[in-house]
Amino acid sequence: MSTLNETEREIAVTAHDLPLHCPRPGAPLWARHPRVFLDVLKNDETICPYCGTKYRFSGEKPKGHH
Protein backbone atom coordinates (compact mmCIF):
# COMPACT_ATOMS: atom_id res chain seq x y z
CA MET A 1 0.00 0.00 0.00
CA SER A 2 1.85 3.06 -1.19
CA THR A 3 -0.29 5.74 0.41
CA LEU A 4 -2.64 5.42 3.33
CA ASN A 5 -5.74 7.58 3.11
CA GLU A 6 -8.33 6.46 5.64
CA THR A 7 -11.00 8.62 4.02
CA GLU A 8 -10.99 6.28 1.00
CA ARG A 9 -13.50 3.47 1.14
CA GLU A 10 -11.57 1.24 -1.29
CA ILE A 11 -7.93 0.39 -0.69
CA ALA A 12 -5.57 -1.57 -2.96
CA VAL A 13 -3.32 -4.01 -1.12
CA THR A 14 -0.44 -6.24 -2.19
CA ALA A 15 1.31 -9.30 -0.77
CA HIS A 16 3.47 -6.91 1.28
CA ASP A 17 0.36 -5.89 3.29
CA LEU A 18 -0.49 -9.45 4.37
CA PRO A 19 -1.76 -10.52 6.82
CA LEU A 20 -4.40 -7.88 6.21
CA HIS A 21 -6.26 -6.30 9.09
CA CYS A 22 -8.57 -3.35 9.58
CA PRO A 23 -8.19 -0.67 10.81
CA ARG A 24 -4.84 -0.10 9.11
CA PRO A 25 -1.87 1.40 10.98
CA GLY A 26 -2.08 5.16 10.98
CA ALA A 27 -5.86 5.34 11.05
CA PRO A 28 -7.10 8.39 12.95
CA LEU A 29 -8.43 7.71 16.43
CA TRP A 30 -12.02 8.44 15.41
CA ALA A 31 -11.84 5.75 12.69
CA ARG A 32 -10.65 2.97 15.01
CA HIS A 33 -12.68 -0.14 15.70
CA PRO A 34 -11.74 -3.60 17.01
CA ARG A 35 -9.03 -5.16 14.86
CA VAL A 36 -10.32 -7.75 12.44
CA PHE A 37 -8.17 -9.87 10.11
CA LEU A 38 -9.48 -10.13 6.54
CA ASP A 39 -8.95 -12.79 3.86
CA VAL A 40 -8.37 -10.78 0.69
CA LEU A 41 -6.79 -13.65 -1.27
CA LYS A 42 -9.87 -15.87 -1.53
CA ASN A 43 -11.85 -13.60 -3.89
CA ASP A 44 -9.27 -10.84 -4.57
CA GLU A 45 -11.37 -8.45 -2.48
CA THR A 46 -13.05 -8.25 0.91
CA ILE A 47 -15.06 -5.77 2.95
CA CYS A 48 -14.47 -4.89 6.59
CA PRO A 49 -17.56 -5.87 8.61
CA TYR A 50 -17.08 -2.90 10.97
CA CYS A 51 -16.48 0.11 8.72
CA GLY A 52 -17.34 -1.15 5.23
CA THR A 53 -13.94 -0.34 3.72
CA LYS A 54 -13.31 -2.47 0.63
CA TYR A 55 -9.85 -3.98 0.22
CA ARG A 56 -8.87 -5.10 -3.28
CA PHE A 57 -5.80 -7.30 -3.84
CA SER A 58 -3.51 -6.48 -6.74
CA GLY A 59 -0.26 -8.02 -7.91
CA GLU A 60 1.15 -11.51 -7.57
CA LYS A 61 -0.31 -13.72 -4.86
CA PRO A 62 2.12 -15.29 -2.40
CA LYS A 63 2.84 -18.98 -2.86
CA GLY A 64 2.81 -21.33 0.13
CA HIS A 65 3.24 -20.10 3.67
CA HIS A 66 4.63 -16.66 4.33
PDB file of N, CA and C in Angstrom:
ATOM      1  N   MET A   1       0.848  -1.159   0.000  1.00  0.00           N
ATOM      2  CA  MET A   1       0.000   0.000   0.000  1.00  0.00           C
ATOM      3  C   MET A   1       0.893   1.221   0.000  1.00  0.00           C
ATOM      4  N   SER A   2       0.925   1.948  -1.080  1.00  0.00           N
ATOM      5  CA  SER A   2       1.852   3.055  -1.190  1.00  0.00           C
ATOM      6  C   SER A   2       1.435   4.248  -0.346  1.00  0.00           C
ATOM      7  N   THR A   3       0.172   4.617  -0.394  1.00  0.00           N
ATOM      8  CA  THR A   3      -0.290   5.738   0.414  1.00  0.00           C
ATOM      9  C   THR A   3      -1.491   5.295   1.218  1.00  0.00           C
ATOM     10  N   LEU A   4      -1.546   5.761   2.445  1.00  0.00           N
ATOM     11  CA  LEU A   4      -2.641   5.416   3.330  1.00  0.00           C
ATOM     12  C   LEU A   4      -3.541   6.629   3.471  1.00  0.00           C
ATOM     13  N   ASN A   5      -4.763   6.511   2.987  1.00  0.00           N
ATOM     14  CA  ASN A   5      -5.742   7.579   3.106  1.00  0.00           C
ATOM     15  C   ASN A   5      -6.998   6.954   3.679  1.00  0.00           C
ATOM     16  N   GLU A   6      -7.212   7.125   4.971  1.00  0.00           N
ATOM     17  CA  GLU A   6      -8.328   6.461   5.640  1.00  0.00           C
ATOM     18  C   GLU A   6      -9.687   7.037   5.246  1.00  0.00           C
ATOM     19  N   THR A   7      -9.719   8.106   4.476  1.00  0.00           N
ATOM     20  CA  THR A   7     -11.005   8.622   4.018  1.00  0.00           C
ATOM     21  C   THR A   7     -11.487   7.855   2.800  1.00  0.00           C
ATOM     22  N   GLU A   8     -10.599   7.098   2.145  1.00  0.00           N
ATOM     23  CA  GLU A   8     -10.993   6.285   1.000  1.00  0.00           C
ATOM     24  C   GLU A   8     -11.744   5.065   1.496  1.00  0.00           C
ATOM     25  N   ARG A   9     -12.735   4.637   0.758  1.00  0.00           N
ATOM     26  CA  ARG A   9     -13.502   3.470   1.140  1.00  0.00           C
ATOM     27  C   ARG A   9     -13.071   2.240   0.350  1.00  0.00           C
ATOM     28  N   GLU A  10     -12.119   2.374  -0.577  1.00  0.00           N
ATOM     29  CA  GLU A  10     -11.568   1.236  -1.295  1.00  0.00           C
ATOM     30  C   GLU A  10     -10.054   1.379  -1.299  1.00  0.00           C
ATOM     31  N   ILE A  11      -9.383   0.338  -0.841  1.00  0.00           N
ATOM     32  CA  ILE A  11      -7.931   0.391  -0.691  1.00  0.00           C
ATOM     33  C   ILE A  11      -7.307  -0.793  -1.421  1.00  0.00           C
ATOM     34  N   ALA A  12      -6.312  -0.512  -2.255  1.00  0.00           N
ATOM     35  CA  ALA A  12      -5.572  -1.566  -2.961  1.00  0.00           C
ATOM     36  C   ALA A  12      -4.467  -2.073  -2.043  1.00  0.00           C
ATOM     37  N   VAL A  13      -4.353  -3.393  -1.942  1.00  0.00           N
ATOM     38  CA  VAL A  13      -3.320  -4.009  -1.121  1.00  0.00           C
ATOM     39  C   VAL A  13      -2.523  -4.999  -1.958  1.00  0.00           C
ATOM     40  N   THR A  14      -1.312  -5.291  -1.516  1.00  0.00           N
ATOM     41  CA  THR A  14      -0.435  -6.244  -2.195  1.00  0.00           C
ATOM     42  C   THR A  14      -0.002  -7.302  -1.189  1.00  0.00           C
ATOM     43  N   ALA A  15       0.810  -8.244  -1.639  1.00  0.00           N
ATOM     44  CA  ALA A  15       1.310  -9.303  -0.767  1.00  0.00           C
ATOM     45  C   ALA A  15       2.097  -8.726   0.405  1.00  0.00           C
ATOM     46  N   HIS A  16       2.701  -7.563   0.219  1.00  0.00           N
ATOM     47  CA  HIS A  16       3.471  -6.910   1.278  1.00  0.00           C
ATOM     48  C   HIS A  16       2.580  -6.539   2.465  1.00  0.00           C
ATOM     49  N   ASP A  17       1.293  -6.321   2.248  1.00  0.00           N
ATOM     50  CA  ASP A  17       0.360  -5.893   3.293  1.00  0.00           C
ATOM     51  C   ASP A  17      -0.255  -7.059   4.066  1.00  0.00           C
ATOM     52  N   LEU A  18       0.100  -8.286   3.714  1.00  0.00           N
ATOM     53  CA  LEU A  18      -0.486  -9.452   4.371  1.00  0.00           C
ATOM     54  C   LEU A  18       0.281  -9.795   5.634  1.00  0.00           C
ATOM     55  N   PRO A  19      -0.331 -10.304   6.674  1.00  0.00           N
ATOM     56  CA  PRO A  19      -1.758 -10.521   6.821  1.00  0.00           C
ATOM     57  C   PRO A  19      -2.496  -9.187   6.937  1.00  0.00           C
ATOM     58  N   LEU A  20      -3.624  -9.110   6.291  1.00  0.00           N
ATOM     59  CA  LEU A  20      -4.405  -7.878   6.207  1.00  0.00           C
ATOM     60  C   LEU A  20      -5.336  -7.747   7.404  1.00  0.00           C
ATOM     61  N   HIS A  21      -5.329  -6.572   8.006  1.00  0.00           N
ATOM     62  CA  HIS A  21      -6.265  -6.303   9.094  1.00  0.00           C
ATOM     63  C   HIS A  21      -6.796  -4.888   8.969  1.00  0.00           C
ATOM     64  N   CYS A  22      -7.938  -4.667   9.559  1.00  0.00           N
ATOM     65  CA  CYS A  22      -8.567  -3.351   9.577  1.00  0.00           C
ATOM     66  C   CYS A  22      -8.905  -3.053  11.031  1.00  0.00           C
ATOM     67  N   PRO A  23      -8.686  -1.832  11.522  1.00  0.00           N
ATOM     68  CA  PRO A  23      -8.187  -0.668  10.807  1.00  0.00           C
ATOM     69  C   PRO A  23      -6.691  -0.778  10.545  1.00  0.00           C
ATOM     70  N   ARG A  24      -6.246  -0.098   9.504  1.00  0.00           N
ATOM     71  CA  ARG A  24      -4.843  -0.102   9.109  1.00  0.00           C
ATOM     72  C   ARG A  24      -4.034   0.786  10.055  1.00  0.00           C
ATOM     73  N   PRO A  25      -2.727   0.517  10.176  1.00  0.00           N
ATOM     74  CA  PRO A  25      -1.872   1.398  10.984  1.00  0.00           C
ATOM     75  C   PRO A  25      -1.956   2.827  10.469  1.00  0.00           C
ATOM     76  N   GLY A  26      -2.008   3.759  11.364  1.00  0.00           N
ATOM     77  CA  GLY A  26      -2.082   5.160  10.982  1.00  0.00           C
ATOM     78  C   GLY A  26      -3.490   5.693  10.863  1.00  0.00           C
ATOM     79  N   ALA A  27      -4.478   4.857  11.109  1.00  0.00           N
ATOM     80  CA  ALA A  27      -5.864   5.337  11.048  1.00  0.00           C
ATOM     81  C   ALA A  27      -6.086   6.348  12.164  1.00  0.00           C
ATOM     82  N   PRO A  28      -6.825   7.412  11.886  1.00  0.00           N
ATOM     83  CA  PRO A  28      -7.097   8.389  12.947  1.00  0.00           C
ATOM     84  C   PRO A  28      -7.896   7.744  14.075  1.00  0.00           C
ATOM     85  N   LEU A  29      -7.785   8.281  15.261  1.00  0.00           N
ATOM     86  CA  LEU A  29      -8.432   7.713  16.428  1.00  0.00           C
ATOM     87  C   LEU A  29      -9.937   7.557  16.239  1.00  0.00           C
ATOM     88  N   TRP A  30     -10.573   8.516  15.598  1.00  0.00           N
ATOM     89  CA  TRP A  30     -12.024   8.440  15.409  1.00  0.00           C
ATOM     90  C   TRP A  30     -12.436   7.302  14.480  1.00  0.00           C
ATOM     91  N   ALA A  31     -11.516   6.810  13.656  1.00  0.00           N
ATOM     92  CA  ALA A  31     -11.837   5.754  12.692  1.00  0.00           C
ATOM     93  C   ALA A  31     -11.484   4.362  13.216  1.00  0.00           C
ATOM     94  N   ARG A  32     -11.079   4.263  14.463  1.00  0.00           N
ATOM     95  CA  ARG A  32     -10.654   2.971  15.011  1.00  0.00           C
ATOM     96  C   ARG A  32     -11.860   2.126  15.413  1.00  0.00           C
ATOM     97  N   HIS A  33     -11.710   0.840  15.235  1.00  0.00           N
ATOM     98  CA  HIS A  33     -12.679  -0.142  15.695  1.00  0.00           C
ATOM     99  C   HIS A  33     -11.892  -1.381  16.086  1.00  0.00           C
ATOM    100  N   PRO A  34     -12.512  -2.401  16.667  1.00  0.00           N
ATOM    101  CA  PRO A  34     -11.738  -3.600  17.013  1.00  0.00           C
ATOM    102  C   PRO A  34     -11.030  -4.169  15.784  1.00  0.00           C
ATOM    103  N   ARG A  35      -9.806  -4.622  15.975  1.00  0.00           N
ATOM    104  CA  ARG A  35      -9.026  -5.165  14.859  1.00  0.00           C
ATOM    105  C   ARG A  35      -9.645  -6.467  14.374  1.00  0.00           C
ATOM    106  N   VAL A  36      -9.795  -6.558  13.065  1.00  0.00           N
ATOM    107  CA  VAL A  36     -10.320  -7.753  12.442  1.00  0.00           C
ATOM    108  C   VAL A  36      -9.394  -8.117  11.286  1.00  0.00           C
ATOM    109  N   PHE A  37      -9.013  -9.407  11.206  1.00  0.00           N
ATOM    110  CA  PHE A  37      -8.168  -9.870  10.113  1.00  0.00           C
ATOM    111  C   PHE A  37      -9.052 -10.295   8.951  1.00  0.00           C
ATOM    112  N   LEU A  38      -8.656  -9.932   7.733  1.00  0.00           N
ATOM    113  CA  LEU A  38      -9.477 -10.128   6.544  1.00  0.00           C
ATOM    114  C   LEU A  38      -8.760 -11.011   5.531  1.00  0.00           C
ATOM    115  N   ASP A  39      -9.496 -11.913   4.889  1.00  0.00           N
ATOM    116  CA  ASP A  39      -8.946 -12.791   3.859  1.00  0.00           C
ATOM    117  C   ASP A  39      -9.208 -12.176   2.492  1.00  0.00           C
ATOM    118  N   VAL A  40      -8.226 -11.462   1.973  1.00  0.00           N
ATOM    119  CA  VAL A  40      -8.372 -10.785   0.690  1.00  0.00           C
ATOM    120  C   VAL A  40      -7.952 -11.681  -0.471  1.00  0.00           C
ATOM    121  N   LEU A  41      -7.293 -12.784  -0.199  1.00  0.00           N
ATOM    122  CA  LEU A  41      -6.790 -13.651  -1.268  1.00  0.00           C
ATOM    123  C   LEU A  41      -7.857 -14.580  -1.846  1.00  0.00           C
ATOM    124  N   LYS A  42      -8.866 -14.905  -1.079  1.00  0.00           N
ATOM    125  CA  LYS A  42      -9.870 -15.870  -1.527  1.00  0.00           C
ATOM    126  C   LYS A  42     -10.611 -15.388  -2.770  1.00  0.00           C
ATOM    127  N   ASN A  43     -11.080 -14.146  -2.764  1.00  0.00           N
ATOM    128  CA  ASN A  43     -11.853 -13.604  -3.889  1.00  0.00           C
ATOM    129  C   ASN A  43     -11.229 -12.344  -4.481  1.00  0.00           C
ATOM    130  N   ASP A  44      -9.988 -12.048  -4.128  1.00  0.00           N
ATOM    131  CA  ASP A  44      -9.266 -10.838  -4.566  1.00  0.00           C
ATOM    132  C   ASP A  44      -9.845  -9.546  -4.004  1.00  0.00           C
ATOM    133  N   GLU A  45     -10.866  -9.636  -3.169  1.00  0.00           N
ATOM    134  CA  GLU A  45     -11.369  -8.453  -2.476  1.00  0.00           C
ATOM    135  C   GLU A  45     -12.170  -8.894  -1.262  1.00  0.00           C
ATOM    136  N   THR A  46     -12.277  -7.992  -0.297  1.00  0.00           N
ATOM    137  CA  THR A  46     -13.047  -8.249   0.912  1.00  0.00           C
ATOM    138  C   THR A  46     -13.506  -6.919   1.485  1.00  0.00           C
ATOM    139  N   ILE A  47     -14.507  -6.975   2.334  1.00  0.00           N
ATOM    140  CA  ILE A  47     -15.062  -5.772   2.950  1.00  0.00           C
ATOM    141  C   ILE A  47     -14.992  -5.927   4.463  1.00  0.00           C
ATOM    142  N   CYS A  48     -14.536  -4.885   5.135  1.00  0.00           N
ATOM    143  CA  CYS A  48     -14.471  -4.895   6.590  1.00  0.00           C
ATOM    144  C   CYS A  48     -15.895  -4.885   7.153  1.00  0.00           C
ATOM    145  N   PRO A  49     -16.208  -5.829   8.055  1.00  0.00           N
ATOM    146  CA  PRO A  49     -17.559  -5.869   8.607  1.00  0.00           C
ATOM    147  C   PRO A  49     -17.871  -4.712   9.552  1.00  0.00           C
ATOM    148  N   TYR A  50     -16.855  -4.013  10.054  1.00  0.00           N
ATOM    149  CA  TYR A  50     -17.079  -2.896  10.965  1.00  0.00           C
ATOM    150  C   TYR A  50     -17.312  -1.574  10.247  1.00  0.00           C
ATOM    151  N   CYS A  51     -16.414  -1.234   9.324  1.00  0.00           N
ATOM    152  CA  CYS A  51     -16.477   0.106   8.721  1.00  0.00           C
ATOM    153  C   CYS A  51     -16.882   0.101   7.252  1.00  0.00           C
ATOM    154  N   GLY A  52     -16.915  -1.072   6.623  1.00  0.00           N
ATOM    155  CA  GLY A  52     -17.337  -1.148   5.233  1.00  0.00           C
ATOM    156  C   GLY A  52     -16.256  -0.825   4.215  1.00  0.00           C
ATOM    157  N   THR A  53     -15.023  -0.613   4.658  1.00  0.00           N
ATOM    158  CA  THR A  53     -13.938  -0.343   3.721  1.00  0.00           C
ATOM    159  C   THR A  53     -13.694  -1.574   2.860  1.00  0.00           C
ATOM    160  N   LYS A  54     -13.574  -1.366   1.550  1.00  0.00           N
ATOM    161  CA  LYS A  54     -13.312  -2.474   0.626  1.00  0.00           C
ATOM    162  C   LYS A  54     -11.818  -2.533   0.359  1.00  0.00           C
ATOM    163  N   TYR A  55     -11.258  -3.732   0.513  1.00  0.00           N
ATOM    164  CA  TYR A  55      -9.854  -3.982   0.221  1.00  0.00           C
ATOM    165  C   TYR A  55      -9.791  -4.837  -1.030  1.00  0.00           C
ATOM    166  N   ARG A  56      -9.007  -4.390  -2.014  1.00  0.00           N
ATOM    167  CA  ARG A  56      -8.870  -5.104  -3.278  1.00  0.00           C
ATOM    168  C   ARG A  56      -7.405  -5.500  -3.454  1.00  0.00           C
ATOM    169  N   PHE A  57      -7.156  -6.808  -3.669  1.00  0.00           N
ATOM    170  CA  PHE A  57      -5.799  -7.304  -3.840  1.00  0.00           C
ATOM    171  C   PHE A  57      -5.339  -7.092  -5.270  1.00  0.00           C
ATOM    172  N   SER A  58      -4.097  -6.633  -5.415  1.00  0.00           N
ATOM    173  CA  SER A  58      -3.508  -6.477  -6.745  1.00  0.00           C
ATOM    174  C   SER A  58      -2.079  -7.012  -6.704  1.00  0.00           C
ATOM    175  N   GLY A  59      -1.615  -7.485  -7.830  1.00  0.00           N
ATOM    176  CA  GLY A  59      -0.258  -8.018  -7.906  1.00  0.00           C
ATOM    177  C   GLY A  59      -0.248  -9.523  -7.811  1.00  0.00           C
ATOM    178  N   GLU A  60       0.954 -10.063  -7.625  1.00  0.00           N
ATOM    179  CA  GLU A  60       1.147 -11.512  -7.570  1.00  0.00           C
ATOM    180  C   GLU A  60       0.816 -12.035  -6.182  1.00  0.00           C
ATOM    181  N   LYS A  61       0.045 -13.105  -6.139  1.00  0.00           N
ATOM    182  CA  LYS A  61      -0.312 -13.718  -4.863  1.00  0.00           C
ATOM    183  C   LYS A  61       0.879 -14.499  -4.316  1.00  0.00           C
ATOM    184  N   PRO A  62       1.028 -14.508  -2.997  1.00  0.00           N
ATOM    185  CA  PRO A  62       2.119 -15.293  -2.403  1.00  0.00           C
ATOM    186  C   PRO A  62       1.868 -16.782  -2.606  1.00  0.00           C
ATOM    187  N   LYS A  63       2.939 -17.536  -2.673  1.00  0.00           N
ATOM    188  CA  LYS A  63       2.838 -18.978  -2.855  1.00  0.00           C
ATOM    189  C   LYS A  63       3.264 -19.673  -1.575  1.00  0.00           C
ATOM    190  N   GLY A  64       2.485 -20.614  -1.100  1.00  0.00           N
ATOM    191  CA  GLY A  64       2.812 -21.333   0.133  1.00  0.00           C
ATOM    192  C   GLY A  64       2.655 -20.458   1.348  1.00  0.00           C
ATOM    193  N   HIS A  65       3.297 -20.863   2.415  1.00  0.00           N
ATOM    194  CA  HIS A  65       3.238 -20.097   3.665  1.00  0.00           C
ATOM    195  C   HIS A  65       4.150 -18.899   3.562  1.00  0.00           C
ATOM    196  N   HIS A  66       3.749 -17.836   4.217  1.00  0.00           N
ATOM    197  CA  HIS A  66       4.634 -16.663   4.332  1.00  0.00           C
ATOM    198  C   HIS A  66       4.465 -16.030   5.681  1.00  0.00           C
TER     199      HIS A  66
END
